[in-house]
Amino acid sequence: MVKREKRLEKQIQGLKKQIEKHKEKLINEFGRKDTTHDYWKKEIKQFEEQVEEREKMLDKLRD
């Protein structure tokens, strides 16, 4: 079970990094198309959902 906890923690950290990268892109970069910003927003939302799922799984393991 310890390996699974470490894996989940590492995944959560990686997803949070991706969220931050996408938020920086929204602020600093211009997309080639009008839909690029919408894509980055959608990606942020998906990453946040994945973080929530993994945190729930981690809580179940620790209980």
PDB file of N, CA and C in Angstrom:
ATOM      1  N   MET A   1       0.814  -1.198   0.000  1.00  0.00           N
ATOM      2  CA  MET A   1       0.000   0.000   0.000  1.00  0.00           C
ATOM      3  C   MET A   1       0.863   1.270   0.000  1.00  0.00           C
ATOM      4  N   VAL A   2       2.049   1.179   0.518  1.00  0.00           N
ATOM      5  CA  VAL A   2       2.901   2.358   0.608  1.00  0.00           C
ATOM      6  C   VAL A   2       3.277   2.861  -0.785  1.00  0.00           C
ATOM      7  N   LYS A   3       3.584   1.951  -1.703  1.00  0.00           N
ATOM      8  CA  LYS A   3       3.939   2.355  -3.062  1.00  0.00           C
ATOM      9  C   LYS A   3       2.785   3.094  -3.736  1.00  0.00           C
ATOM     10  N   ARG A   4       1.578   2.609  -3.486  1.00  0.00           N
ATOM     11  CA  ARG A   4       0.413   3.242  -4.105  1.00  0.00           C
ATOM     12  C   ARG A   4       0.214   4.654  -3.566  1.00  0.00           C
ATOM     13  N   GLU A   5       0.436   4.844  -2.270  1.00  0.00           N
ATOM     14  CA  GLU A   5       0.296   6.177  -1.685  1.00  0.00           C
ATOM     15  C   GLU A   5       1.318   7.128  -2.286  1.00  0.00           C
ATOM     16  N   LYS A   6       2.566   6.669  -2.408  1.00  0.00           N
ATOM     17  CA  LYS A   6       3.611   7.512  -2.985  1.00  0.00           C
ATOM     18  C   LYS A   6       3.282   7.872  -4.424  1.00  0.00           C
ATOM     19  N   ARG A   7       2.769   6.887  -5.165  1.00  0.00           N
ATOM     20  CA  ARG A   7       2.418   7.121  -6.560  1.00  0.00           C
ATOM     21  C   ARG A   7       1.322   8.165  -6.678  1.00  0.00           C
ATOM     22  N   LEU A   8       0.298   8.037  -5.843  1.00  0.00           N
ATOM     23  CA  LEU A   8      -0.809   8.999  -5.874  1.00  0.00           C
ATOM     24  C   LEU A   8      -0.338  10.393  -5.492  1.00  0.00           C
ATOM     25  N   GLU A   9       0.529  10.482  -4.480  1.00  0.00           N
ATOM     26  CA  GLU A   9       1.048  11.781  -4.067  1.00  0.00           C
ATOM     27  C   GLU A   9       1.850  12.428  -5.192  1.00  0.00           C
ATOM     28  N   LYS A  10       2.646  11.618  -5.873  1.00  0.00           N
ATOM     29  CA  LYS A  10       3.456  12.135  -6.973  1.00  0.00           C
ATOM     30  C   LYS A  10       2.563  12.585  -8.127  1.00  0.00           C
ATOM     31  N   GLN A  11       1.503  11.839  -8.407  1.00  0.00           N
ATOM     32  CA  GLN A  11       0.572  12.221  -9.462  1.00  0.00           C
ATOM     33  C   GLN A  11      -0.116  13.542  -9.122  1.00  0.00           C
ATOM     34  N   ILE A  12      -0.511  13.693  -7.867  1.00  0.00           N
ATOM     35  CA  ILE A  12      -1.170  14.928  -7.444  1.00  0.00           C
ATOM     36  C   ILE A  12      -0.233  16.112  -7.625  1.00  0.00           C
ATOM     37  N   GLN A  13       1.028  15.957  -7.239  1.00  0.00           N
ATOM     38  CA  GLN A  13       1.999  17.040  -7.406  1.00  0.00           C
ATOM     39  C   GLN A  13       2.184  17.385  -8.882  1.00  0.00           C
ATOM     40  N   GLY A  14       2.270  16.370  -9.725  1.00  0.00           N
ATOM     41  CA  GLY A  14       2.437  16.599 -11.158  1.00  0.00           C
ATOM     42  C   GLY A  14       1.246  17.311 -11.768  1.00  0.00           C
ATOM     43  N   LEU A  15       0.055  16.931 -11.355  1.00  0.00           N
ATOM     44  CA  LEU A  15      -1.148  17.586 -11.875  1.00  0.00           C
ATOM     45  C   LEU A  15      -1.218  19.041 -11.429  1.00  0.00           C
ATOM     46  N   LYS A  16      -0.815  19.304 -10.197  1.00  0.00           N
ATOM     47  CA  LYS A  16      -0.811  20.690  -9.715  1.00  0.00           C
ATOM     48  C   LYS A  16       0.192  21.538 -10.486  1.00  0.00           C
ATOM     49  N   LYS A  17       1.333  20.957 -10.862  1.00  0.00           N
ATOM     50  CA  LYS A  17       2.311  21.676 -11.685  1.00  0.00           C
ATOM     51  C   LYS A  17       1.711  22.012 -13.043  1.00  0.00           C
ATOM     52  N   GLN A  18       1.003  21.038 -13.623  1.00  0.00           N
ATOM     53  CA  GLN A  18       0.371  21.264 -14.923  1.00  0.00           C
ATOM     54  C   GLN A  18      -0.679  22.370 -14.836  1.00  0.00           C
ATOM     55  N   ILE A  19      -1.426  22.398 -13.748  1.00  0.00           N
ATOM     56  CA  ILE A  19      -2.433  23.448 -13.554  1.00  0.00           C
ATOM     57  C   ILE A  19      -1.752  24.806 -13.544  1.00  0.00           C
ATOM     58  N   GLU A  20      -0.647  24.922 -12.812  1.00  0.00           N
ATOM     59  CA  GLU A  20       0.072  26.189 -12.741  1.00  0.00           C
ATOM     60  C   GLU A  20       0.625  26.595 -14.102  1.00  0.00           C
ATOM     61  N   LYS A  21       1.159  25.646 -14.866  1.00  0.00           N
ATOM     62  CA  LYS A  21       1.684  25.948 -16.196  1.00  0.00           C
ATOM     63  C   LYS A  21       0.585  26.488 -17.105  1.00  0.00           C
ATOM     64  N   HIS A  22      -0.584  25.849 -17.053  1.00  0.00           N
ATOM     65  CA  HIS A  22      -1.685  26.288 -17.905  1.00  0.00           C
ATOM     66  C   HIS A  22      -2.203  27.657 -17.478  1.00  0.00           C
ATOM     67  N   LYS A  23      -2.224  27.922 -16.174  1.00  0.00           N
ATOM     68  CA  LYS A  23      -2.656  29.244 -15.711  1.00  0.00           C
ATOM     69  C   LYS A  23      -1.685  30.322 -16.181  1.00  0.00           C
ATOM     70  N   GLU A  24      -0.381  30.030 -16.162  1.00  0.00           N
ATOM     71  CA  GLU A  24       0.604  30.983 -16.664  1.00  0.00           C
ATOM     72  C   GLU A  24       0.423  31.222 -18.157  1.00  0.00           C
ATOM     73  N   LYS A  25       0.110  30.165 -18.893  1.00  0.00           N
ATOM     74  CA  LYS A  25      -0.122  30.304 -20.331  1.00  0.00           C
ATOM     75  C   LYS A  25      -1.312  31.221 -20.591  1.00  0.00           C
ATOM     76  N   LEU A  26      -2.355  31.085 -19.787  1.00  0.00           N
ATOM     77  CA  LEU A  26      -3.528  31.942 -19.975  1.00  0.00           C
ATOM     78  C   LEU A  26      -3.164  33.407 -19.808  1.00  0.00           C
ATOM     79  N   ILE A  27      -2.286  33.698 -18.862  1.00  0.00           N
ATOM     80  CA  ILE A  27      -1.915  35.074 -18.571  1.00  0.00           C
ATOM     81  C   ILE A  27      -0.893  35.615 -19.570  1.00  0.00           C
ATOM     82  N   ASN A  28       0.120  34.811 -19.890  1.00  0.00           N
ATOM     83  CA  ASN A  28       1.280  35.330 -20.619  1.00  0.00           C
ATOM     84  C   ASN A  28       1.291  35.067 -22.119  1.00  0.00           C
ATOM     85  N   GLU A  29       0.660  34.015 -22.582  1.00  0.00           N
ATOM     86  CA  GLU A  29       0.801  33.631 -23.979  1.00  0.00           C
ATOM     87  C   GLU A  29      -0.462  33.902 -24.781  1.00  0.00           C
ATOM     88  N   PHE A  30      -0.242  34.072 -26.060  1.00  0.00           N
ATOM     89  CA  PHE A  30      -1.340  34.230 -26.993  1.00  0.00           C
ATOM     90  C   PHE A  30      -1.413  32.968 -27.836  1.00  0.00           C
ATOM     91  N   GLY A  31      -2.597  32.453 -27.998  1.00  0.00           N
ATOM     92  CA  GLY A  31      -2.760  31.256 -28.810  1.00  0.00           C
ATOM     93  C   GLY A  31      -2.830  31.600 -30.277  1.00  0.00           C
ATOM     94  N   ARG A  32      -2.650  30.592 -31.116  1.00  0.00           N
ATOM     95  CA  ARG A  32      -2.733  30.821 -32.554  1.00  0.00           C
ATOM     96  C   ARG A  32      -4.172  30.989 -33.005  1.00  0.00           C
ATOM     97  N   LYS A  33      -5.080  30.410 -32.256  1.00  0.00           N
ATOM     98  CA  LYS A  33      -6.492  30.485 -32.616  1.00  0.00           C
ATOM     99  C   LYS A  33      -7.271  31.053 -31.438  1.00  0.00           C
ATOM    100  N   ASP A  34      -8.499  31.447 -31.698  1.00  0.00           N
ATOM    101  CA  ASP A  34      -9.341  32.007 -30.642  1.00  0.00           C
ATOM    102  C   ASP A  34      -9.686  30.965 -29.584  1.00  0.00           C
ATOM    103  N   THR A  35      -9.660  29.711 -29.949  1.00  0.00           N
ATOM    104  CA  THR A  35     -10.093  28.653 -29.040  1.00  0.00           C
ATOM    105  C   THR A  35      -8.998  28.181 -28.092  1.00  0.00           C
ATOM    106  N   THR A  36      -7.771  28.639 -28.256  1.00  0.00           N
ATOM    107  CA  THR A  36      -6.651  28.156 -27.451  1.00  0.00           C
ATOM    108  C   THR A  36      -6.862  28.440 -25.972  1.00  0.00           C
ATOM    109  N   HIS A  37      -7.313  29.647 -25.627  1.00  0.00           N
ATOM    110  CA  HIS A  37      -7.543  29.975 -24.228  1.00  0.00           C
ATOM    111  C   HIS A  37      -8.647  29.110 -23.633  1.00  0.00           C
ATOM    112  N   ASP A  38      -9.672  28.848 -24.417  1.00  0.00           N
ATOM    113  CA  ASP A  38     -10.742  27.959 -23.944  1.00  0.00           C
ATOM    114  C   ASP A  38     -10.204  26.555 -23.698  1.00  0.00           C
ATOM    115  N   TYR A  39      -9.308  26.101 -24.564  1.00  0.00           N
ATOM    116  CA  TYR A  39      -8.700  24.776 -24.398  1.00  0.00           C
ATOM    117  C   TYR A  39      -7.916  24.710 -23.099  1.00  0.00           C
ATOM    118  N   TRP A  40      -7.105  25.741 -22.828  1.00  0.00           N
ATOM    119  CA  TRP A  40      -6.312  25.754 -21.592  1.00  0.00           C
ATOM    120  C   TRP A  40      -7.213  25.772 -20.358  1.00  0.00           C
ATOM    121  N   LYS A  41      -8.304  26.517 -20.427  1.00  0.00           N
ATOM    122  CA  LYS A  41      -9.249  26.549 -19.306  1.00  0.00           C
ATOM    123  C   LYS A  41      -9.864  25.175 -19.076  1.00  0.00           C
ATOM    124  N   LYS A  42     -10.219  24.503 -20.177  1.00  0.00           N
ATOM    125  CA  LYS A  42     -10.809  23.171 -20.067  1.00  0.00           C
ATOM    126  C   LYS A  42      -9.798  22.180 -19.483  1.00  0.00           C
ATOM    127  N   GLU A  43      -8.549  22.293 -19.895  1.00  0.00           N
ATOM    128  CA  GLU A  43      -7.496  21.432 -19.364  1.00  0.00           C
ATOM    129  C   GLU A  43      -7.325  21.651 -17.859  1.00  0.00           C
ATOM    130  N   ILE A  44      -7.347  22.903 -17.425  1.00  0.00           N
ATOM    131  CA  ILE A  44      -7.226  23.211 -15.993  1.00  0.00           C
ATOM    132  C   ILE A  44      -8.352  22.537 -15.226  1.00  0.00           C
ATOM    133  N   LYS A  45      -9.561  22.635 -15.750  1.00  0.00           N
ATOM    134  CA  LYS A  45     -10.716  22.033 -15.093  1.00  0.00           C
ATOM    135  C   LYS A  45     -10.556  20.517 -14.981  1.00  0.00           C
ATOM    136  N   GLN A  46     -10.096  19.875 -16.056  1.00  0.00           N
ATOM    137  CA  GLN A  46      -9.901  18.424 -16.042  1.00  0.00           C
ATOM    138  C   GLN A  46      -8.821  18.021 -15.045  1.00  0.00           C
ATOM    139  N   PHE A  47      -7.730  18.779 -15.004  1.00  0.00           N
ATOM    140  CA  PHE A  47      -6.659  18.472 -14.059  1.00  0.00           C
ATOM    141  C   PHE A  47      -7.150  18.607 -12.622  1.00  0.00           C
ATOM    142  N   GLU A  48      -7.955  19.634 -12.347  1.00  0.00           N
ATOM    143  CA  GLU A  48      -8.484  19.829 -10.990  1.00  0.00           C
ATOM    144  C   GLU A  48      -9.389  18.660 -10.595  1.00  0.00           C
ATOM    145  N   GLU A  49     -10.185  18.170 -11.542  1.00  0.00           N
ATOM    146  CA  GLU A  49     -11.040  17.011 -11.257  1.00  0.00           C
ATOM    147  C   GLU A  49     -10.198  15.777 -10.956  1.00  0.00           C
ATOM    148  N   GLN A  50      -9.114  15.592 -11.710  1.00  0.00           N
ATOM    149  CA  GLN A  50      -8.236  14.455 -11.470  1.00  0.00           C
ATOM    150  C   GLN A  50      -7.558  14.551 -10.106  1.00  0.00           C
ATOM    151  N   VAL A  51      -7.185  15.767  -9.719  1.00  0.00           N
ATOM    152  CA  VAL A  51      -6.570  15.957  -8.402  1.00  0.00           C
ATOM    153  C   VAL A  51      -7.558  15.565  -7.313  1.00  0.00           C
ATOM    154  N   GLU A  52      -8.804  15.990  -7.443  1.00  0.00           N
ATOM    155  CA  GLU A  52      -9.828  15.653  -6.451  1.00  0.00           C
ATOM    156  C   GLU A  52     -10.014  14.137  -6.356  1.00  0.00           C
ATOM    157  N   GLU A  53     -10.081  13.468  -7.508  1.00  0.00           N
ATOM    158  CA  GLU A  53     -10.247  12.010  -7.516  1.00  0.00           C
ATOM    159  C   GLU A  53      -9.087  11.320  -6.804  1.00  0.00           C
ATOM    160  N   ARG A  54      -7.886  11.753  -7.118  1.00  0.00           N
ATOM    161  CA  ARG A  54      -6.708  11.118  -6.525  1.00  0.00           C
ATOM    162  C   ARG A  54      -6.611  11.392  -5.028  1.00  0.00           C
ATOM    163  N   GLU A  55      -7.019  12.584  -4.612  1.00  0.00           N
ATOM    164  CA  GLU A  55      -7.018  12.900  -3.171  1.00  0.00           C
ATOM    165  C   GLU A  55      -8.030  12.025  -2.441  1.00  0.00           C
ATOM    166  N   LYS A  56      -9.184  11.775  -3.060  1.00  0.00           N
ATOM    167  CA  LYS A  56     -10.178  10.890  -2.447  1.00  0.00           C
ATOM    168  C   LYS A  56      -9.624   9.476  -2.324  1.00  0.00           C
ATOM    169  N   MET A  57      -8.953   9.006  -3.374  1.00  0.00           N
ATOM    170  CA  MET A  57      -8.367   7.666  -3.330  1.00  0.00           C
ATOM    171  C   MET A  57      -7.302   7.588  -2.256  1.00  0.00           C
ATOM    172  N   LEU A  58      -6.510   8.634  -2.118  1.00  0.00           N
ATOM    173  CA  LEU A  58      -5.459   8.657  -1.105  1.00  0.00           C
ATOM    174  C   LEU A  58      -6.055   8.651   0.296  1.00  0.00           C
ATOM    175  N   ASP A  59      -7.134   9.390   0.493  1.00  0.00           N
ATOM    176  CA  ASP A  59      -7.808   9.398   1.793  1.00  0.00           C
ATOM    177  C   ASP A  59      -8.362   8.017   2.134  1.00  0.00           C
ATOM    178  N   LYS A  60      -8.919   7.321   1.146  1.00  0.00           N
ATOM    179  CA  LYS A  60      -9.432   5.962   1.385  1.00  0.00           C
ATOM    180  C   LYS A  60      -8.303   5.023   1.800  1.00  0.00           C
ATOM    181  N   LEU A  61      -7.157   5.170   1.173  1.00  0.00           N
ATOM    182  CA  LEU A  61      -6.022   4.301   1.510  1.00  0.00           C
ATOM    183  C   LEU A  61      -5.527   4.554   2.927  1.00  0.00           C
ATOM    184  N   ARG A  62      -5.548   5.794   3.330  1.00  0.00           N
ATOM    185  CA  ARG A  62      -5.021   6.145   4.645  1.00  0.00           C
ATOM    186  C   ARG A  62      -5.981   5.803   5.780  1.00  0.00           C
ATOM    187  N   ASP A  63      -7.245   5.650   5.462  1.00  0.00           N
ATOM    188  CA  ASP A  63      -8.228   5.320   6.513  1.00  0.00           C
ATOM    189  C   ASP A  63      -8.169   3.890   6.950  1.00  0.00           C
TER     190      ASP A  63
END
